[in-house]
C-alpha atoms as a PDB file:
ATOM      1  CA  MET A   1      13.241 -70.642 -27.245  1.00  0.00           C
ATOM      2  CA  SER A   2      12.620 -71.324 -31.064  1.00  0.00           C
ATOM      3  CA  SER A   3       9.594 -70.018 -32.622  1.00  0.00           C
ATOM      4  CA  ARG A   4       8.482 -69.787 -36.190  1.00  0.00           C
ATOM      5  CA  ILE A   5       4.950 -68.453 -37.838  1.00  0.00           C
ATOM      6  CA  GLU A   6       3.043 -71.748 -39.532  1.00  0.00           C
ATOM      7  CA  GLU A   7      -0.799 -71.841 -41.196  1.00  0.00           C
ATOM      8  CA  ILE A   8      -2.232 -74.574 -38.803  1.00  0.00           C
ATOM      9  CA  PRO A   9      -5.462 -76.102 -39.788  1.00  0.00           C
ATOM     10  CA  LEU A  10      -8.038 -75.732 -37.077  1.00  0.00           C
ATOM     11  CA  PRO A  11      -8.173 -79.259 -36.023  1.00  0.00           C
ATOM     12  CA  ALA A  12      -4.881 -79.227 -35.418  1.00  0.00           C
ATOM     13  CA  PHE A  13      -5.038 -76.739 -32.231  1.00  0.00           C
ATOM     14  CA  ASP A  14      -5.586 -78.544 -28.917  1.00  0.00           C
ATOM     15  CA  LEU A  15      -7.616 -76.267 -26.585  1.00  0.00           C
ATOM     16  CA  SER A  16      -6.968 -77.688 -23.208  1.00  0.00           C
ATOM     17  CA  LEU A  17      -5.710 -74.174 -21.529  1.00  0.00           C
ATOM     18  CA  SER A  18      -9.171 -73.131 -22.082  1.00  0.00           C
ATOM     19  CA  GLY A  19     -10.044 -73.923 -18.857  1.00  0.00           C
ATOM     20  CA  MET A  20      -8.457 -71.294 -17.466  1.00  0.00           C
ATOM     21  CA  ARG A  21     -10.211 -68.774 -19.613  1.00  0.00           C
ATOM     22  CA  ILE A  22     -13.392 -67.458 -18.983  1.00  0.00           C
ATOM     23  CA  MET A  23     -16.072 -67.838 -21.905  1.00  0.00           C
ATOM     24  CA  ASN A  24     -17.142 -64.720 -23.030  1.00  0.00           C
ATOM     25  CA  MET A  25     -19.497 -64.704 -25.816  1.00  0.00           C
ATOM     26  CA  THR A  26     -19.688 -60.914 -26.118  1.00  0.00           C
ATOM     27  CA  ARG A  27     -15.918 -60.161 -26.886  1.00  0.00           C
ATOM     28  CA  ILE A  28     -15.985 -63.823 -28.920  1.00  0.00           C
ATOM     29  CA  LEU A  29     -18.339 -62.009 -31.196  1.00  0.00           C
ATOM     30  CA  GLN A  30     -16.501 -58.911 -31.307  1.00  0.00           C
ATOM     31  CA  VAL A  31     -13.449 -60.637 -32.623  1.00  0.00           C
ATOM     32  CA  GLU A  32     -15.981 -62.845 -35.089  1.00  0.00           C
ATOM     33  CA  LYS A  33     -17.395 -59.301 -36.391  1.00  0.00           C
ATOM     34  CA  SER A  34     -13.462 -58.276 -36.970  1.00  0.00           C
ATOM     35  CA  MET A  35     -12.126 -61.135 -38.571  1.00  0.00           C
ATOM     36  CA  HIS A  36     -15.451 -61.246 -40.744  1.00  0.00           C
ATOM     37  CA  GLN A  37     -14.572 -57.977 -41.966  1.00  0.00           C
ATOM     38  CA  HIS A  38     -10.583 -58.014 -41.753  1.00  0.00           C
ATOM     39  CA  GLY A  39      -9.550 -61.584 -41.454  1.00  0.00           C
ATOM     40  CA  GLN A  40      -6.809 -62.721 -38.740  1.00  0.00           C
ATOM     41  CA  LEU A  41      -4.948 -59.057 -38.130  1.00  0.00           C
ATOM     42  CA  GLN A  42      -2.725 -61.196 -35.574  1.00  0.00           C
ATOM     43  CA  PRO A  43      -1.425 -64.651 -35.424  1.00  0.00           C
ATOM     44  CA  VAL A  44      -2.316 -67.150 -32.377  1.00  0.00           C
ATOM     45  CA  VAL A  45       0.033 -68.570 -30.359  1.00  0.00           C
ATOM     46  CA  ALA A  46       0.749 -72.296 -29.258  1.00  0.00           C
ATOM     47  CA  ARG A  47       3.360 -74.618 -28.477  1.00  0.00           C
ATOM     48  CA  LEU A  48       4.445 -78.327 -29.929  1.00  0.00           C
ATOM     49  CA  HIS A  49       2.581 -80.472 -27.795  1.00  0.00           C
ATOM     50  CA  GLU A  50       1.969 -84.475 -28.634  1.00  0.00           C
ATOM     51  CA  GLY A  51       2.158 -84.392 -32.231  1.00  0.00           C
ATOM     52  CA  GLY A  52      -0.176 -81.241 -32.250  1.00  0.00           C
ATOM     53  CA  TYR A  53      -0.433 -77.356 -31.289  1.00  0.00           C
ATOM     54  CA  GLN A  54      -1.695 -76.466 -27.819  1.00  0.00           C
ATOM     55  CA  LEU A  55      -3.007 -73.030 -28.377  1.00  0.00           C
ATOM     56  CA  ILE A  56      -1.696 -70.405 -25.789  1.00  0.00           C
ATOM     57  CA  ASP A  57      -3.031 -67.511 -27.000  1.00  0.00           C
ATOM     58  CA  GLY A  58      -5.898 -65.904 -29.341  1.00  0.00           C
ATOM     59  CA  PHE A  59      -8.640 -68.848 -28.170  1.00  0.00           C
ATOM     60  CA  LYS A  60     -11.406 -65.664 -29.043  1.00  0.00           C
ATOM     61  CA  ARG A  61      -9.868 -65.731 -32.173  1.00  0.00           C
ATOM     62  CA  PHE A  62     -10.247 -69.968 -32.799  1.00  0.00           C
ATOM     63  CA  TYR A  63     -13.910 -69.750 -31.603  1.00  0.00           C
ATOM     64  CA  ALA A  64     -14.458 -66.902 -33.842  1.00  0.00           C
ATOM     65  CA  ALA A  65     -12.788 -68.813 -37.119  1.00  0.00           C
ATOM     66  CA  GLU A  66     -14.879 -72.128 -36.300  1.00  0.00           C
ATOM     67  CA  ASP A  67     -18.153 -69.850 -36.584  1.00  0.00           C
ATOM     68  CA  LEU A  68     -16.805 -68.162 -39.958  1.00  0.00           C
ATOM     69  CA  MET A  69     -15.863 -71.721 -41.215  1.00  0.00           C
ATOM     70  CA  ILE A  70     -12.015 -70.484 -41.553  1.00  0.00           C
ATOM     71  CA  GLU A  71     -10.280 -73.785 -42.430  1.00  0.00           C
ATOM     72  CA  SER A  72      -6.763 -72.446 -40.777  1.00  0.00           C
ATOM     73  CA  LEU A  73      -5.179 -69.820 -38.401  1.00  0.00           C
ATOM     74  CA  SER A  74      -1.880 -68.142 -39.207  1.00  0.00           C
ATOM     75  CA  CYS A  75       0.480 -69.225 -35.513  1.00  0.00           C
ATOM     76  CA  HIS A  76       3.220 -68.174 -33.648  1.00  0.00           C
ATOM     77  CA  VAL A  77       4.711 -71.977 -33.017  1.00  0.00           C
ATOM     78  CA  LEU A  78       7.022 -72.344 -29.614  1.00  0.00           C
ATOM     79  CA  GLU A  79       8.683 -74.972 -28.211  1.00  0.00           C
ATOM     80  CA  ILE A  80       8.547 -74.780 -24.426  1.00  0.00           C
ATOM     81  CA  ASP A  81       7.531 -76.674 -21.514  1.00  0.00           C
ATOM     82  CA  LEU A  82       4.070 -76.664 -20.835  1.00  0.00           C
ATOM     83  CA  ALA A  83       4.571 -75.040 -17.382  1.00  0.00           C
ATOM     84  CA  GLN A  84       6.115 -71.840 -19.693  1.00  0.00           C
ATOM     85  CA  ALA A  85       3.413 -72.145 -22.009  1.00  0.00           C
ATOM     86  CA  LYS A  86       0.936 -71.613 -18.394  1.00  0.00           C
ATOM     87  CA  VAL A  87       3.199 -68.404 -17.579  1.00  0.00           C
ATOM     88  CA  LEU A  88       2.677 -66.974 -21.358  1.00  0.00           C
ATOM     89  CA  LEU A  89      -0.919 -67.257 -20.714  1.00  0.00           C
ATOM     90  CA  LEU A  90      -0.460 -64.190 -18.424  1.00  0.00           C
ATOM     91  CA  THR A  91       2.307 -62.536 -20.130  1.00  0.00           C
ATOM     92  CA  TYR A  92       0.626 -62.222 -23.413  1.00  0.00           C
ATOM     93  CA  ASN A  93      -2.805 -60.776 -22.102  1.00  0.00           C
ATOM     94  CA  ARG A  94      -0.845 -58.253 -19.517  1.00  0.00           C
ATOM     95  CA  LEU A  95       0.269 -55.451 -22.185  1.00  0.00           C
ATOM     96  CA  HIS A  96      -3.560 -54.993 -23.457  1.00  0.00           C
ATOM     97  CA  ARG A  97      -5.112 -56.267 -19.979  1.00  0.00           C
ATOM     98  CA  SER A  98      -7.200 -58.621 -21.641  1.00  0.00           C
ATOM     99  CA  MET A  99      -7.399 -61.095 -19.151  1.00  0.00           C
ATOM    100  CA  GLU A 100      -9.644 -61.085 -16.001  1.00  0.00           C
ATOM    101  CA  ALA A 101      -8.775 -61.183 -12.557  1.00  0.00           C
ATOM    102  CA  TRP A 102     -10.182 -64.140 -12.098  1.00  0.00           C
ATOM    103  CA  GLU A 103      -8.459 -65.514 -15.142  1.00  0.00           C
ATOM    104  CA  GLU A 104      -4.982 -64.542 -13.788  1.00  0.00           C
ATOM    105  CA  ALA A 105      -6.160 -66.648 -10.020  1.00  0.00           C
ATOM    106  CA  LYS A 106      -6.734 -69.382 -12.321  1.00  0.00           C
ATOM    107  CA  VAL A 107      -3.838 -69.622 -13.740  1.00  0.00           C
ATOM    108  CA  LEU A 108      -1.481 -69.153 -10.927  1.00  0.00           C
ATOM    109  CA  GLN A 109      -3.705 -71.944  -8.712  1.00  0.00           C
ATOM    110  CA  ASP A 110      -2.813 -73.983 -11.500  1.00  0.00           C
ATOM    111  CA  LEU A 111       0.738 -73.374 -11.729  1.00  0.00           C
ATOM    112  CA  GLN A 112       1.081 -73.646  -7.707  1.00  0.00           C
ATOM    113  CA  LYS A 113      -1.056 -77.245  -7.494  1.00  0.00           C
ATOM    114  CA  MET A 114       0.145 -78.699 -10.729  1.00  0.00           C
ATOM    115  CA  HIS A 115       3.916 -77.668 -10.636  1.00  0.00           C
ATOM    116  CA  SER A 116       4.568 -77.378  -7.366  1.00  0.00           C
ATOM    117  CA  LEU A 117       5.580 -73.463  -7.313  1.00  0.00           C
ATOM    118  CA  GLY A 118       5.566 -71.040  -4.376  1.00  0.00           C
ATOM    119  CA  LEU A 119       4.870 -67.475  -4.139  1.00  0.00           C
ATOM    120  CA  HIS A 120       8.418 -66.390  -4.339  1.00  0.00           C
ATOM    121  CA  ASP A 121       8.613 -69.095  -7.830  1.00  0.00           C
ATOM    122  CA  LEU A 122       5.418 -67.681  -9.437  1.00  0.00           C
ATOM    123  CA  SER A 123       6.575 -63.900  -8.381  1.00  0.00           C
ATOM    124  CA  ARG A 124       9.663 -64.183 -10.142  1.00  0.00           C
ATOM    125  CA  LEU A 125       8.311 -66.323 -13.372  1.00  0.00           C
ATOM    126  CA  THR A 126       5.547 -63.563 -13.868  1.00  0.00           C
ATOM    127  CA  GLY A 127       7.284 -60.706 -13.339  1.00  0.00           C
ATOM    128  CA  TYR A 128       4.408 -59.371 -10.587  1.00  0.00           C
ATOM    129  CA  SER A 129       5.009 -58.960  -7.015  1.00  0.00           C
ATOM    130  CA  ARG A 130       4.261 -61.614  -4.354  1.00  0.00           C
ATOM    131  CA  SER A 131       1.825 -59.171  -2.917  1.00  0.00           C
ATOM    132  CA  TRP A 132      -0.402 -59.460  -6.430  1.00  0.00           C
ATOM    133  CA  VAL A 133       0.216 -62.914  -6.003  1.00  0.00           C
ATOM    134  CA  SER A 134      -1.135 -63.820  -3.157  1.00  0.00           C
ATOM    135  CA  ARG A 135      -4.206 -61.305  -3.526  1.00  0.00           C
ATOM    136  CA  ARG A 136      -5.090 -63.541  -6.953  1.00  0.00           C
ATOM    137  CA  LEU A 137      -4.548 -66.724  -5.130  1.00  0.00           C
ATOM    138  CA  SER A 138      -6.989 -65.605  -2.264  1.00  0.00           C
ATOM    139  CA  LEU A 139      -9.607 -64.745  -4.956  1.00  0.00           C
ATOM    140  CA  ILE A 140      -9.854 -67.979  -5.726  1.00  0.00           C
ATOM    141  CA  ASP A 141      -9.404 -69.590  -1.975  1.00  0.00           C
ATOM    142  CA  ARG A 142     -12.555 -67.630  -1.204  1.00  0.00           C
ATOM    143  CA  ILE A 143     -14.995 -68.883  -4.099  1.00  0.00           C
ATOM    144  CA  ASP A 144     -16.631 -72.272  -4.115  1.00  0.00           C
ATOM    145  CA  GLU A 145     -15.448 -74.895  -6.427  1.00  0.00           C
ATOM    146  CA  ASP A 146     -18.838 -75.009  -8.524  1.00  0.00           C
ATOM    147  CA  VAL A 147     -19.631 -71.277  -8.318  1.00  0.00           C
ATOM    148  CA  SER A 148     -15.911 -71.187  -9.786  1.00  0.00           C
ATOM    149  CA  SER A 149     -16.812 -73.343 -12.531  1.00  0.00           C
ATOM    150  CA  GLU A 150     -19.854 -71.065 -13.585  1.00  0.00           C
ATOM    151  CA  ILE A 151     -17.860 -67.980 -13.767  1.00  0.00           C
ATOM    152  CA  MET A 152     -15.436 -69.713 -16.246  1.00  0.00           C
ATOM    153  CA  MET A 153     -17.936 -70.904 -18.484  1.00  0.00           C
ATOM    154  CA  GLY A 154     -19.431 -67.345 -18.377  1.00  0.00           C
ATOM    155  CA  ALA A 155     -22.961 -67.862 -16.419  1.00  0.00           C
ATOM    156  CA  LEU A 156     -21.530 -65.521 -13.619  1.00  0.00           C
ATOM    157  CA  THR A 157     -18.999 -62.606 -13.987  1.00  0.00           C
ATOM    158  CA  PRO A 158     -16.183 -61.775 -12.020  1.00  0.00           C
ATOM    159  CA  SER A 159     -18.196 -58.823 -10.663  1.00  0.00           C
ATOM    160  CA  HIS A 160     -20.813 -61.545  -9.067  1.00  0.00           C
ATOM    161  CA  ALA A 161     -17.773 -63.371  -8.032  1.00  0.00           C
ATOM    162  CA  ARG A 162     -16.781 -59.970  -5.828  1.00  0.00           C
ATOM    163  CA  ALA A 163     -20.155 -59.908  -4.558  1.00  0.00           C
ATOM    164  CA  LEU A 164     -20.475 -63.917  -3.367  1.00  0.00           C
ATOM    165  CA  THR A 165     -16.653 -64.491  -1.530  1.00  0.00           C
ATOM    166  CA  ARG A 166     -18.144 -62.381   1.047  1.00  0.00           C
ATOM    167  CA  LEU A 167     -20.439 -64.885   1.594  1.00  0.00           C
ATOM    168  CA  PRO A 168     -19.632 -68.405   3.297  1.00  0.00           C
ATOM    169  CA  ARG A 169     -18.512 -71.192   0.781  1.00  0.00           C
ATOM    170  CA  GLY A 170     -21.844 -72.585   2.141  1.00  0.00           C
ATOM    171  CA  ASN A 171     -23.884 -70.233   0.986  1.00  0.00           C
ATOM    172  CA  GLN A 172     -22.393 -69.018  -2.211  1.00  0.00           C
ATOM    173  CA  GLY A 173     -23.809 -71.792  -4.317  1.00  0.00           C
ATOM    174  CA  GLU A 174     -27.545 -71.155  -3.618  1.00  0.00           C
ATOM    175  CA  VAL A 175     -27.159 -67.480  -3.805  1.00  0.00           C
ATOM    176  CA  ALA A 176     -25.186 -68.011  -7.564  1.00  0.00           C
ATOM    177  CA  ARG A 177     -28.395 -69.763  -8.333  1.00  0.00           C
ATOM    178  CA  VAL A 178     -30.727 -66.941  -8.000  1.00  0.00           C
ATOM    179  CA  ILE A 179     -27.875 -64.806  -9.825  1.00  0.00           C
ATOM    180  CA  THR A 180     -28.050 -66.661 -12.419  1.00  0.00           C
ATOM    181  CA  CYS A 181     -31.815 -67.720 -12.369  1.00  0.00           C
ATOM    182  CA  LEU A 182     -32.811 -64.149 -12.578  1.00  0.00           C
ATOM    183  CA  THR A 183     -29.702 -62.666 -14.570  1.00  0.00           C
ATOM    184  CA  LEU A 184     -28.726 -60.065 -11.926  1.00  0.00           C
ATOM    185  CA  THR A 185     -26.603 -57.325 -12.761  1.00  0.00           C
ATOM    186  CA  SER A 186     -23.505 -56.913 -10.757  1.00  0.00           C
ATOM    187  CA  ARG A 187     -25.376 -54.215  -8.508  1.00  0.00           C
ATOM    188  CA  GLN A 188     -28.503 -56.383  -8.123  1.00  0.00           C
ATOM    189  CA  SER A 189     -26.489 -58.920  -6.928  1.00  0.00           C
ATOM    190  CA  ASP A 190     -24.500 -56.773  -4.377  1.00  0.00           C
ATOM    191  CA  LYS A 191     -27.840 -56.152  -3.191  1.00  0.00           C
ATOM    192  CA  LEU A 192     -29.050 -59.291  -2.987  1.00  0.00           C
ATOM    193  CA  VAL A 193     -25.829 -60.632  -0.720  1.00  0.00           C
ATOM    194  CA  GLU A 194     -25.966 -58.080   1.279  1.00  0.00           C
ATOM    195  CA  ALA A 195     -29.277 -58.360   2.422  1.00  0.00           C
ATOM    196  CA  PHE A 196     -28.738 -62.115   2.717  1.00  0.00           C
ATOM    197  CA  LEU A 197     -25.453 -61.213   5.205  1.00  0.00           C
ATOM    198  CA  LYS A 198     -27.961 -59.031   6.875  1.00  0.00           C
ATOM    199  CA  ALA A 199     -30.914 -61.375   7.470  1.00  0.00           C
ATOM    200  CA  CYS A 200     -31.540 -62.368  11.020  1.00  0.00           C
ATOM    201  CA  ASP A 201     -31.805 -66.258  10.715  1.00  0.00           C
ATOM    202  CA  GLU A 202     -31.968 -68.962   8.484  1.00  0.00           C
ATOM    203  CA  GLN A 203     -35.427 -69.136   7.590  1.00  0.00           C
ATOM    204  CA  GLN A 204     -35.313 -65.197   7.033  1.00  0.00           C
ATOM    205  CA  GLN A 205     -32.111 -66.158   4.025  1.00  0.00           C
ATOM    206  CA  ARG A 206     -34.629 -68.498   2.856  1.00  0.00           C
ATOM    207  CA  TYR A 207     -37.484 -66.155   2.162  1.00  0.00           C
ATOM    208  CA  ILE A 208     -34.800 -63.763   0.591  1.00  0.00           C
ATOM    209  CA  LEU A 209     -33.997 -66.780  -2.093  1.00  0.00           C
ATOM    210  CA  THR A 210     -37.670 -67.380  -1.981  1.00  0.00           C
ATOM    211  CA  HIS A 211     -38.518 -63.965  -3.124  1.00  0.00           C
ATOM    212  CA  PRO A 212     -35.317 -61.950  -4.259  1.00  0.00           C
ATOM    213  CA  GLU A 213     -37.984 -59.988  -6.133  1.00  0.00           C
ATOM    214  CA  HIS A 214     -38.917 -58.424  -2.708  1.00  0.00           C
ATOM    215  CA  ILE A 215     -35.163 -57.205  -2.200  1.00  0.00           C
ATOM    216  CA  LEU A 216     -34.489 -56.043  -5.658  1.00  0.00           C
ATOM    217  CA  ARG A 217     -38.658 -54.429  -6.591  1.00  0.00           C
ATOM    218  CA  SER A 218     -36.892 -51.327  -7.278  1.00  0.00           C
ATOM    219  CA  ASP A 219     -33.684 -52.636  -9.518  1.00  0.00           C
ATOM    220  CA  LEU A 220     -36.100 -54.674 -11.237  1.00  0.00           C
ATOM    221  CA  SER A 221     -38.702 -52.087 -11.889  1.00  0.00           C
ATOM    222  CA  ASP A 222     -36.353 -49.407 -12.488  1.00  0.00           C
ATOM    223  CA  SER A 223     -33.826 -50.629 -15.051  1.00  0.00           C
ATOM    224  CA  GLU A 224     -34.063 -49.188 -18.915  1.00  0.00           C
ATOM    225  CA  ASP A 225     -32.699 -51.978 -20.147  1.00  0.00           C
ATOM    226  CA  GLU A 226     -35.711 -54.601 -18.935  1.00  0.00           C
ATOM    227  CA  PRO A 227     -39.260 -54.794 -19.742  1.00  0.00           C
ATOM    228  CA  TYR A 228     -41.770 -53.470 -17.201  1.00  0.00           C
ATOM    229  CA  ASP A 229     -45.542 -53.422 -17.072  1.00  0.00           C
ATOM    230  CA  ALA A 230     -47.213 -51.235 -14.845  1.00  0.00           C
ATOM    231  CA  ARG A 231     -50.243 -53.798 -14.680  1.00  0.00           C
ATOM    232  CA  LEU A 232     -48.158 -56.884 -13.568  1.00  0.00           C
ATOM    233  CA  SER A 233     -47.577 -57.767 -10.572  1.00  0.00           C
ATOM    234  CA  SER A 234     -43.908 -58.337 -10.284  1.00  0.00           C
ATOM    235  CA  PHE A 235     -43.853 -62.107 -10.159  1.00  0.00           C
ATOM    236  CA  GLY A 236     -46.061 -61.000 -13.584  1.00  0.00           C
ATOM    237  CA  ASN A 237     -43.144 -58.898 -14.628  1.00  0.00           C
ATOM    238  CA  GLU A 238     -40.553 -61.459 -14.028  1.00  0.00           C
ATOM    239  CA  LEU A 239     -42.383 -63.705 -15.756  1.00  0.00           C
ATOM    240  CA  MET A 240     -42.244 -61.640 -18.935  1.00  0.00           C
ATOM    241  CA  ARG A 241     -38.414 -60.770 -18.361  1.00  0.00           C
ATOM    242  CA  LEU A 242     -37.378 -64.372 -18.257  1.00  0.00           C
ATOM    243  CA  SER A 243     -39.501 -65.176 -20.940  1.00  0.00           C
ATOM    244  CA  GLY A 244     -37.543 -62.324 -23.250  1.00  0.00           C
ATOM    245  CA  TYR A 245     -34.348 -64.060 -22.145  1.00  0.00           C
ATOM    246  CA  LEU A 246     -35.418 -67.384 -22.998  1.00  0.00           C
ATOM    247  CA  ILE A 247     -36.848 -66.292 -26.467  1.00  0.00           C
ATOM    248  CA  GLN A 248     -33.152 -64.459 -27.401  1.00  0.00           C
ATOM    249  CA  SER A 249     -31.405 -67.978 -25.897  1.00  0.00           C
ATOM    250  CA  LEU A 250     -33.517 -69.997 -28.218  1.00  0.00           C
ATOM    251  CA  GLU A 251     -33.141 -67.414 -31.026  1.00  0.00           C
ATOM    252  CA  THR A 252     -29.280 -68.126 -30.576  1.00  0.00           C
ATOM    253  CA  ILE A 253     -28.921 -71.864 -30.170  1.00  0.00           C
ATOM    254  CA  LEU A 254     -31.765 -73.017 -32.929  1.00  0.00           C
ATOM    255  CA  PRO A 255     -29.513 -71.985 -35.698  1.00  0.00           C
ATOM    256  CA  LYS A 256     -26.452 -73.845 -34.257  1.00  0.00           C
ATOM    257  CA  LEU A 257     -28.557 -76.656 -33.836  1.00  0.00           C
ATOM    258  CA  GLU A 258     -29.560 -76.481 -37.699  1.00  0.00           C
ATOM    259  CA  ASP A 259     -26.077 -75.930 -38.783  1.00  0.00           C
ATOM    260  CA  HIS A 260     -24.674 -78.609 -41.247  1.00  0.00           C
ATOM    261  CA  ARG A 261     -21.360 -78.544 -39.031  1.00  0.00           C
ATOM    262  CA  MET A 262     -23.571 -80.706 -36.184  1.00  0.00           C
ATOM    263  CA  ASP A 263     -22.787 -83.482 -38.494  1.00  0.00           C
ATOM    264  CA  MET A 264     -18.991 -82.883 -38.198  1.00  0.00           C
ATOM    265  CA  LEU A 265     -19.078 -83.263 -34.037  1.00  0.00           C
ATOM    266  CA  ASN A 266     -16.718 -86.148 -33.532  1.00  0.00           C
ATOM    267  CA  ASP A 267     -17.357 -88.688 -31.069  1.00  0.00           C
ATOM    268  CA  THR A 268     -15.880 -86.991 -27.981  1.00  0.00           C
ATOM    269  CA  GLU A 269     -17.377 -83.386 -28.585  1.00  0.00           C
ATOM    270  CA  ARG A 270     -21.237 -85.545 -28.727  1.00  0.00           C
ATOM    271  CA  VAL A 271     -20.174 -87.721 -25.444  1.00  0.00           C
ATOM    272  CA  ILE A 272     -19.506 -84.013 -24.074  1.00  0.00           C
ATOM    273  CA  ILE A 273     -22.365 -81.918 -25.554  1.00  0.00           C
ATOM    274  CA  SER A 274     -25.296 -84.492 -25.385  1.00  0.00           C
ATOM    275  CA  PRO A 275     -25.836 -84.289 -21.780  1.00  0.00           C
ATOM    276  CA  TYR A 276     -26.719 -80.540 -21.833  1.00  0.00           C
ATOM    277  CA  ILE A 277     -28.630 -80.988 -25.333  1.00  0.00           C
ATOM    278  CA  ASN A 278     -30.668 -83.631 -23.383  1.00  0.00           C
ATOM    279  CA  GLN A 279     -31.363 -81.567 -20.711  1.00  0.00           C
ATOM    280  CA  VAL A 280     -32.647 -78.753 -22.430  1.00  0.00           C
ATOM    281  CA  PHE A 281     -34.740 -81.612 -24.477  1.00  0.00           C
ATOM    282  CA  LEU A 282     -36.009 -82.172 -20.664  1.00  0.00           C
ATOM    283  CA  TYR A 283     -36.797 -78.915 -20.091  1.00  0.00           C
ATOM    284  CA  ALA A 284     -38.651 -78.053 -23.260  1.00  0.00           C
ATOM    285  CA  GLY A 285     -41.147 -80.907 -22.443  1.00  0.00           C
ATOM    286  CA  LYS A 286     -41.584 -79.420 -19.281  1.00  0.00           C
ATOM    287  CA  LEU A 287     -42.207 -76.171 -20.878  1.00  0.00           C
ATOM    288  CA  ARG A 288     -44.806 -77.488 -23.261  1.00  0.00           C
ATOM    289  CA  ASP A 289     -46.589 -79.112 -20.265  1.00  0.00           C
ATOM    290  CA  SER A 290     -46.813 -75.520 -18.364  1.00  0.00           C
ATOM    291  CA  MET A 291     -47.997 -74.059 -21.378  1.00  0.00           C
ATOM    292  CA  THR A 292     -50.509 -76.748 -21.721  1.00  0.00           C
ATOM    293  CA  GLN A 293     -51.483 -76.288 -18.323  1.00  0.00           C
ATOM    294  CA  LEU A 294     -52.118 -72.580 -18.746  1.00  0.00           C
ATOM    295  CA  GLN A 295     -54.203 -72.431 -22.095  1.00  0.00           C
ATOM    296  CA  ILE A 296     -56.573 -75.397 -20.046  1.00  0.00           C
ATOM    297  CA  HIS A 297     -56.697 -73.029 -17.180  1.00  0.00           C
ATOM    298  CA  LYS A 298     -57.678 -69.840 -19.754  1.00  0.00           C
ATOM    299  CA  SER A 299     -60.581 -72.130 -21.529  1.00  0.00           C
ATOM    300  CA  ILE A 300     -61.867 -72.759 -17.744  1.00  0.00           C
ATOM    301  CA  ASN A 301     -61.668 -69.289 -16.920  1.00  0.00           C
ATOM    302  CA  PRO A 302     -61.670 -66.997 -20.024  1.00  0.00           C
END
């Protein structure tokens, strides 16, 4: 396996393997802070692929470099095939245990399906035992595909996934929506799943998902990290808390939308991103209408 170190411009990188890594913004921001202070300390790893460089290791460094407007990255370039590249996704992150169990499972699942590899082959190639490989694959098999996508996008954490795997696949999506809507912690998610499993019938399950605050009231009010006002009802506190999250999100996205790099997005990027921006625009309109109604109600009932 030949290799060399090169300085590669960011547009030359192929990020197609990023779908097997969780989008963890906290970690990306940590790497961005380090690169801002110290520069790139370690080269990323990529393989030659269709005239470009398919990134294998260093996705957080790549995203950080984009935000910092760094034009190129030092790269360890390998000449290997696609299956070997996927195995290296596991290998490079094994020493520092920087991959979540969920990410490891996604890589193994892809190797199994796309390259027709059995347990024995996966064990031999990765250096892990067959029981380890089997446990990781079963983790993926127990989760709904839409929920899995939410995990990879960072909307749900692997801790949330562990709670959701206790549920039948058909119920995981609706419980996951409550978790993401209320931004529940892993402890709160466990509590919600436990209540859902203990429900006597489907009607009680619907009630739990419609009024999760009745199950989580003590957690939501006792958390030191969450705003709470004793003058408000549980719904009022929930509305205040979610408004805070919305403000934080807006403070994050608005500078990005005003960034000069918006004009540098290529046609493919615009096609992919546009549905999300349009959805934001739609919800912004609904929020404006709701706030208008609130102001009208206030003026009528001062």
